[in-house]
């Protein structure tokens, strides 16, 4: 999933000619703690609301601009963007294409995207298993589910605290929790949890 698919293209620009007072109004209207400063289509920097709190409204906003070390490209992946957010401590990051600002990505868009990637809200059954960290282990599990006509909605994998293991979290539909538990037990698959989820 790419940044260009999730960014906000219709964002409010804070122009370099604006005052602190004009900027405060924009941030309040957007219910945001962070604003994008632009000179036309050229990105200049970011202003944080706490930096202009109590500041004279008549002062130029350019006096309070933060330069950012990270900018995004529409072709960047959301994984890369998430790392940039962690390292930048920003609520929003600009998306630039050939030097021009084409959009803004914020933390809520990242969370929305990752939630969709995880299949959350689609209903079905959430299955969590611990697998050996060796080639083919996930395929064995998927083959078992395929054999029993379970439709896989999403798969997430992360390292286990135990060396040589990985945790797989799958969402699937097509069986009841009881039926899935029996299928796993018959095939000697040890699971950590099986939960029925409602569609949202």
C-alpha atoms as a PDB file:
ATOM      1  CA  UNK A   1       0.000   0.000   0.000  1.00  0.00           C
ATOM      2  CA  UNK A   2       1.406   3.326  -1.055  1.00  0.00           C
ATOM      3  CA  UNK A   3       1.257   6.768   0.518  1.00  0.00           C
ATOM      4  CA  UNK A   4      -0.369   8.200  -2.626  1.00  0.00           C
ATOM      5  CA  UNK A   5      -3.423   5.984  -2.105  1.00  0.00           C
ATOM      6  CA  UNK A   6      -4.033   7.224   1.443  1.00  0.00           C
ATOM      7  CA  UNK A   7      -2.840  10.833   1.563  1.00  0.00           C
ATOM      8  CA  UNK A   8      -5.213  13.777   1.865  1.00  0.00           C
ATOM      9  CA  UNK A   9      -5.045  15.783  -1.366  1.00  0.00           C
ATOM     10  CA  UNK A  10      -7.503  18.457  -0.192  1.00  0.00           C
ATOM     11  CA  UNK A  11      -5.682  19.801   2.835  1.00  0.00           C
ATOM     12  CA  UNK A  12      -5.652  23.352   4.172  1.00  0.00           C
ATOM     13  CA  UNK A  13      -2.394  25.137   3.378  1.00  0.00           C
ATOM     14  CA  UNK A  14      -1.008  27.754   5.732  1.00  0.00           C
ATOM     15  CA  UNK A  15       0.617  30.297   3.436  1.00  0.00           C
ATOM     16  CA  UNK A  16       3.903  31.974   4.303  1.00  0.00           C
ATOM     17  CA  UNK A  17       2.187  35.382   4.279  1.00  0.00           C
ATOM     18  CA  UNK A  18      -0.234  34.371   7.050  1.00  0.00           C
ATOM     19  CA  UNK A  19      -0.084  35.686  10.598  1.00  0.00           C
ATOM     20  CA  UNK A  20      -0.100  33.650  13.791  1.00  0.00           C
ATOM     21  CA  UNK A  21      -3.754  34.595  14.281  1.00  0.00           C
ATOM     22  CA  UNK A  22      -4.790  33.335  10.840  1.00  0.00           C
ATOM     23  CA  UNK A  23      -2.881  30.125  11.478  1.00  0.00           C
ATOM     24  CA  UNK A  24      -4.569  29.557  14.842  1.00  0.00           C
ATOM     25  CA  UNK A  25      -7.976  29.832  13.149  1.00  0.00           C
ATOM     26  CA  UNK A  26      -7.027  27.249  10.512  1.00  0.00           C
ATOM     27  CA  UNK A  27      -5.706  24.805  13.107  1.00  0.00           C
ATOM     28  CA  UNK A  28      -8.834  25.273  15.217  1.00  0.00           C
ATOM     29  CA  UNK A  29     -11.145  24.725  12.221  1.00  0.00           C
ATOM     30  CA  UNK A  30      -9.249  21.561  11.297  1.00  0.00           C
ATOM     31  CA  UNK A  31      -9.082  20.442  14.940  1.00  0.00           C
ATOM     32  CA  UNK A  32      -5.367  19.875  14.378  1.00  0.00           C
ATOM     33  CA  UNK A  33      -2.232  20.444  16.419  1.00  0.00           C
ATOM     34  CA  UNK A  34      -0.034  20.649  13.345  1.00  0.00           C
ATOM     35  CA  UNK A  35      -0.200  22.725  10.145  1.00  0.00           C
ATOM     36  CA  UNK A  36       1.553  22.629   6.775  1.00  0.00           C
ATOM     37  CA  UNK A  37       3.295  25.878   5.746  1.00  0.00           C
ATOM     38  CA  UNK A  38       3.502  26.435   1.979  1.00  0.00           C
ATOM     39  CA  UNK A  39       4.645  29.047  -0.498  1.00  0.00           C
ATOM     40  CA  UNK A  40       2.288  28.219  -3.354  1.00  0.00           C
ATOM     41  CA  UNK A  41       2.988  24.523  -4.094  1.00  0.00           C
ATOM     42  CA  UNK A  42       6.379  24.660  -2.382  1.00  0.00           C
ATOM     43  CA  UNK A  43       6.539  23.045   1.061  1.00  0.00           C
ATOM     44  CA  UNK A  44       8.249  25.291   3.623  1.00  0.00           C
ATOM     45  CA  UNK A  45       7.772  23.591   6.968  1.00  0.00           C
ATOM     46  CA  UNK A  46       5.387  22.645   9.756  1.00  0.00           C
ATOM     47  CA  UNK A  47       3.962  24.678  12.606  1.00  0.00           C
ATOM     48  CA  UNK A  48       2.774  23.115  15.858  1.00  0.00           C
ATOM     49  CA  UNK A  49      -0.101  24.703  17.746  1.00  0.00           C
ATOM     50  CA  UNK A  50       1.712  24.541  21.092  1.00  0.00           C
ATOM     51  CA  UNK A  51       4.554  26.615  19.625  1.00  0.00           C
ATOM     52  CA  UNK A  52       2.202  29.537  18.866  1.00  0.00           C
ATOM     53  CA  UNK A  53       0.045  29.223  21.975  1.00  0.00           C
ATOM     54  CA  UNK A  54      -0.076  32.622  23.720  1.00  0.00           C
ATOM     55  CA  UNK A  55       1.897  34.274  20.905  1.00  0.00           C
ATOM     56  CA  UNK A  56       0.807  37.669  19.537  1.00  0.00           C
ATOM     57  CA  UNK A  57      -1.665  37.022  16.681  1.00  0.00           C
ATOM     58  CA  UNK A  58      -0.142  39.805  14.555  1.00  0.00           C
ATOM     59  CA  UNK A  59       3.275  38.166  14.252  1.00  0.00           C
ATOM     60  CA  UNK A  60       4.197  36.430  10.965  1.00  0.00           C
ATOM     61  CA  UNK A  61       3.840  32.656  11.049  1.00  0.00           C
ATOM     62  CA  UNK A  62       7.222  32.264   9.338  1.00  0.00           C
ATOM     63  CA  UNK A  63       8.856  33.105  12.678  1.00  0.00           C
ATOM     64  CA  UNK A  64       7.537  29.824  14.099  1.00  0.00           C
ATOM     65  CA  UNK A  65       8.114  27.319  11.314  1.00  0.00           C
ATOM     66  CA  UNK A  66       9.705  23.966  12.106  1.00  0.00           C
ATOM     67  CA  UNK A  67      11.851  22.404   9.414  1.00  0.00           C
ATOM     68  CA  UNK A  68      11.223  18.670   9.034  1.00  0.00           C
ATOM     69  CA  UNK A  69      13.815  16.002   8.419  1.00  0.00           C
ATOM     70  CA  UNK A  70      11.330  13.673   6.733  1.00  0.00           C
ATOM     71  CA  UNK A  71       9.055  14.167   3.747  1.00  0.00           C
ATOM     72  CA  UNK A  72       7.119  11.495   1.905  1.00  0.00           C
ATOM     73  CA  UNK A  73       6.813  10.563  -1.750  1.00  0.00           C
ATOM     74  CA  UNK A  74       3.511   9.225  -3.184  1.00  0.00           C
ATOM     75  CA  UNK A  75       5.373   6.009  -4.082  1.00  0.00           C
ATOM     76  CA  UNK A  76       6.599   5.396  -0.520  1.00  0.00           C
ATOM     77  CA  UNK A  77       5.001   2.470   1.283  1.00  0.00           C
ATOM     78  CA  UNK A  78       2.917   2.963   4.403  1.00  0.00           C
ATOM     79  CA  UNK A  79       5.490   0.874   6.290  1.00  0.00           C
ATOM     80  CA  UNK A  80       8.170   3.447   5.429  1.00  0.00           C
ATOM     81  CA  UNK A  81       5.815   6.281   6.349  1.00  0.00           C
ATOM     82  CA  UNK A  82       5.110   4.716   9.751  1.00  0.00           C
ATOM     83  CA  UNK A  83       8.853   4.638  10.505  1.00  0.00           C
ATOM     84  CA  UNK A  84       9.170   8.298   9.481  1.00  0.00           C
ATOM     85  CA  UNK A  85       6.338   9.210  11.859  1.00  0.00           C
ATOM     86  CA  UNK A  86       8.045   7.401  14.728  1.00  0.00           C
ATOM     87  CA  UNK A  87      11.347   9.165  14.064  1.00  0.00           C
ATOM     88  CA  UNK A  88       9.912  12.627  13.358  1.00  0.00           C
ATOM     89  CA  UNK A  89       7.454  12.934  16.277  1.00  0.00           C
ATOM     90  CA  UNK A  90       5.023  14.714  13.931  1.00  0.00           C
ATOM     91  CA  UNK A  91       1.252  14.350  13.568  1.00  0.00           C
ATOM     92  CA  UNK A  92       1.373  15.093   9.821  1.00  0.00           C
ATOM     93  CA  UNK A  93       3.984  14.750   7.113  1.00  0.00           C
ATOM     94  CA  UNK A  94       3.984  16.407   3.682  1.00  0.00           C
ATOM     95  CA  UNK A  95       3.898  14.342   0.501  1.00  0.00           C
ATOM     96  CA  UNK A  96       6.088  15.827  -2.243  1.00  0.00           C
ATOM     97  CA  UNK A  97       6.239  14.950  -5.933  1.00  0.00           C
ATOM     98  CA  UNK A  98       9.083  16.570  -7.907  1.00  0.00           C
ATOM     99  CA  UNK A  99       9.448  19.181  -5.169  1.00  0.00           C
ATOM    100  CA  UNK A 100       5.781  20.202  -5.154  1.00  0.00           C
ATOM    101  CA  UNK A 101       3.451  19.381  -2.288  1.00  0.00           C
ATOM    102  CA  UNK A 102       0.680  17.066  -3.505  1.00  0.00           C
ATOM    103  CA  UNK A 103      -0.783  15.873  -0.235  1.00  0.00           C
ATOM    104  CA  UNK A 104      -0.499  15.299   3.482  1.00  0.00           C
ATOM    105  CA  UNK A 105      -0.467  12.044   5.426  1.00  0.00           C
ATOM    106  CA  UNK A 106      -1.394  11.929   9.097  1.00  0.00           C
ATOM    107  CA  UNK A 107      -1.253   9.300  11.816  1.00  0.00           C
ATOM    108  CA  UNK A 108      -4.975   8.545  11.625  1.00  0.00           C
ATOM    109  CA  UNK A 109      -4.674   7.633   7.929  1.00  0.00           C
ATOM    110  CA  UNK A 110      -1.803   5.273   8.797  1.00  0.00           C
ATOM    111  CA  UNK A 111      -3.884   3.620  11.529  1.00  0.00           C
ATOM    112  CA  UNK A 112      -6.885   3.332   9.196  1.00  0.00           C
ATOM    113  CA  UNK A 113      -4.759   1.691   6.515  1.00  0.00           C
ATOM    114  CA  UNK A 114      -3.116  -0.793   8.886  1.00  0.00           C
ATOM    115  CA  UNK A 115      -6.499  -1.661  10.414  1.00  0.00           C
ATOM    116  CA  UNK A 116      -7.831  -2.468   6.949  1.00  0.00           C
ATOM    117  CA  UNK A 117      -4.713  -4.483   6.093  1.00  0.00           C
ATOM    118  CA  UNK A 118      -5.277  -6.509   9.256  1.00  0.00           C
ATOM    119  CA  UNK A 119      -8.839  -7.291   8.171  1.00  0.00           C
ATOM    120  CA  UNK A 120     -10.262  -5.758  11.325  1.00  0.00           C
ATOM    121  CA  UNK A 121     -13.973  -5.102  11.041  1.00  0.00           C
ATOM    122  CA  UNK A 122     -14.602  -7.723   8.348  1.00  0.00           C
ATOM    123  CA  UNK A 123     -15.961 -10.235  10.837  1.00  0.00           C
ATOM    124  CA  UNK A 124     -15.062 -13.910  10.771  1.00  0.00           C
ATOM    125  CA  UNK A 125     -12.659 -15.643  13.132  1.00  0.00           C
ATOM    126  CA  UNK A 126      -9.395 -14.273  14.508  1.00  0.00           C
ATOM    127  CA  UNK A 127      -6.862 -17.066  14.942  1.00  0.00           C
ATOM    128  CA  UNK A 128      -3.520 -16.654  16.694  1.00  0.00           C
ATOM    129  CA  UNK A 129      -0.895 -19.393  16.463  1.00  0.00           C
ATOM    130  CA  UNK A 130       2.795 -19.731  17.263  1.00  0.00           C
ATOM    131  CA  UNK A 131       4.830 -21.188  14.410  1.00  0.00           C
ATOM    132  CA  UNK A 132       8.401 -22.376  14.063  1.00  0.00           C
ATOM    133  CA  UNK A 133      10.467 -19.707  12.294  1.00  0.00           C
ATOM    134  CA  UNK A 134      11.328 -22.008   9.401  1.00  0.00           C
ATOM    135  CA  UNK A 135      10.341 -22.016   5.708  1.00  0.00           C
ATOM    136  CA  UNK A 136       7.014 -23.703   4.972  1.00  0.00           C
ATOM    137  CA  UNK A 137       5.434 -23.473   8.427  1.00  0.00           C
ATOM    138  CA  UNK A 138       2.892 -20.837   7.429  1.00  0.00           C
ATOM    139  CA  UNK A 139       2.113 -22.739   4.218  1.00  0.00           C
ATOM    140  CA  UNK A 140       1.251 -25.854   6.252  1.00  0.00           C
ATOM    141  CA  UNK A 141      -1.263 -23.868   8.261  1.00  0.00           C
ATOM    142  CA  UNK A 142      -2.739 -22.206   5.162  1.00  0.00           C
ATOM    143  CA  UNK A 143      -3.037 -25.584   3.435  1.00  0.00           C
ATOM    144  CA  UNK A 144      -5.018 -26.936   6.381  1.00  0.00           C
ATOM    145  CA  UNK A 145      -7.383 -23.975   6.289  1.00  0.00           C
ATOM    146  CA  UNK A 146      -7.708 -24.242   2.487  1.00  0.00           C
ATOM    147  CA  UNK A 147      -8.537 -27.950   2.705  1.00  0.00           C
ATOM    148  CA  UNK A 148     -11.454 -27.076   4.989  1.00  0.00           C
ATOM    149  CA  UNK A 149     -12.717 -24.241   2.746  1.00  0.00           C
ATOM    150  CA  UNK A 150     -11.815 -21.374   5.054  1.00  0.00           C
ATOM    151  CA  UNK A 151     -11.472 -18.049   3.276  1.00  0.00           C
ATOM    152  CA  UNK A 152      -8.430 -16.093   4.526  1.00  0.00           C
ATOM    153  CA  UNK A 153      -9.163 -12.377   5.047  1.00  0.00           C
ATOM    154  CA  UNK A 154      -5.749 -11.313   6.342  1.00  0.00           C
ATOM    155  CA  UNK A 155      -2.425 -12.610   7.650  1.00  0.00           C
ATOM    156  CA  UNK A 156      -0.057 -10.786   9.999  1.00  0.00           C
ATOM    157  CA  UNK A 157       3.197 -12.215  11.327  1.00  0.00           C
ATOM    158  CA  UNK A 158       5.567 -10.906  13.965  1.00  0.00           C
ATOM    159  CA  UNK A 159       8.463 -12.340  16.011  1.00  0.00           C
ATOM    160  CA  UNK A 160       7.650 -14.273  19.159  1.00  0.00           C
ATOM    161  CA  UNK A 161       9.376 -13.581  22.464  1.00  0.00           C
ATOM    162  CA  UNK A 162      10.564 -17.166  22.231  1.00  0.00           C
ATOM    163  CA  UNK A 163      13.617 -17.659  20.018  1.00  0.00           C
ATOM    164  CA  UNK A 164      12.988 -19.533  16.776  1.00  0.00           C
ATOM    165  CA  UNK A 165       9.251 -18.826  16.786  1.00  0.00           C
ATOM    166  CA  UNK A 166       6.861 -16.421  15.087  1.00  0.00           C
ATOM    167  CA  UNK A 167       3.318 -15.402  15.918  1.00  0.00           C
ATOM    168  CA  UNK A 168       0.800 -15.592  13.061  1.00  0.00           C
ATOM    169  CA  UNK A 169      -2.520 -13.783  13.369  1.00  0.00           C
ATOM    170  CA  UNK A 170      -5.049 -14.769  10.725  1.00  0.00           C
ATOM    171  CA  UNK A 171      -8.583 -13.672  10.077  1.00  0.00           C
ATOM    172  CA  UNK A 172     -10.762 -16.134   8.199  1.00  0.00           C
ATOM    173  CA  UNK A 173     -14.381 -17.002   7.615  1.00  0.00           C
ATOM    174  CA  UNK A 174     -16.257 -20.138   6.660  1.00  0.00           C
ATOM    175  CA  UNK A 175     -16.330 -22.108   9.928  1.00  0.00           C
ATOM    176  CA  UNK A 176     -17.456 -21.729  13.518  1.00  0.00           C
ATOM    177  CA  UNK A 177     -14.937 -21.291  16.332  1.00  0.00           C
ATOM    178  CA  UNK A 178     -15.701 -24.810  17.574  1.00  0.00           C
ATOM    179  CA  UNK A 179     -15.240 -26.360  14.120  1.00  0.00           C
ATOM    180  CA  UNK A 180     -11.974 -24.495  13.536  1.00  0.00           C
ATOM    181  CA  UNK A 181     -10.648 -25.569  16.946  1.00  0.00           C
ATOM    182  CA  UNK A 182     -11.386 -29.210  16.076  1.00  0.00           C
ATOM    183  CA  UNK A 183      -9.660 -28.882  12.697  1.00  0.00           C
ATOM    184  CA  UNK A 184      -6.537 -27.441  14.326  1.00  0.00           C
ATOM    185  CA  UNK A 185      -6.469 -30.065  17.080  1.00  0.00           C
ATOM    186  CA  UNK A 186      -6.836 -32.930  14.579  1.00  0.00           C
ATOM    187  CA  UNK A 187      -3.885 -31.498  12.627  1.00  0.00           C
ATOM    188  CA  UNK A 188      -1.760 -30.950  15.770  1.00  0.00           C
ATOM    189  CA  UNK A 189      -1.758 -27.176  15.368  1.00  0.00           C
ATOM    190  CA  UNK A 190      -1.368 -25.482  18.741  1.00  0.00           C
ATOM    191  CA  UNK A 191      -3.228 -22.184  18.819  1.00  0.00           C
ATOM    192  CA  UNK A 192      -3.041 -19.354  21.334  1.00  0.00           C
ATOM    193  CA  UNK A 193      -6.561 -18.062  20.759  1.00  0.00           C
ATOM    194  CA  UNK A 194      -9.594 -18.325  18.480  1.00  0.00           C
ATOM    195  CA  UNK A 195     -12.101 -15.491  18.684  1.00  0.00           C
ATOM    196  CA  UNK A 196     -15.307 -14.837  16.763  1.00  0.00           C
ATOM    197  CA  UNK A 197     -15.399 -11.235  15.527  1.00  0.00           C
ATOM    198  CA  UNK A 198     -18.443  -9.310  14.412  1.00  0.00           C
ATOM    199  CA  UNK A 199     -18.472  -7.399  11.144  1.00  0.00           C
ATOM    200  CA  UNK A 200     -18.319  -3.631  11.668  1.00  0.00           C
END
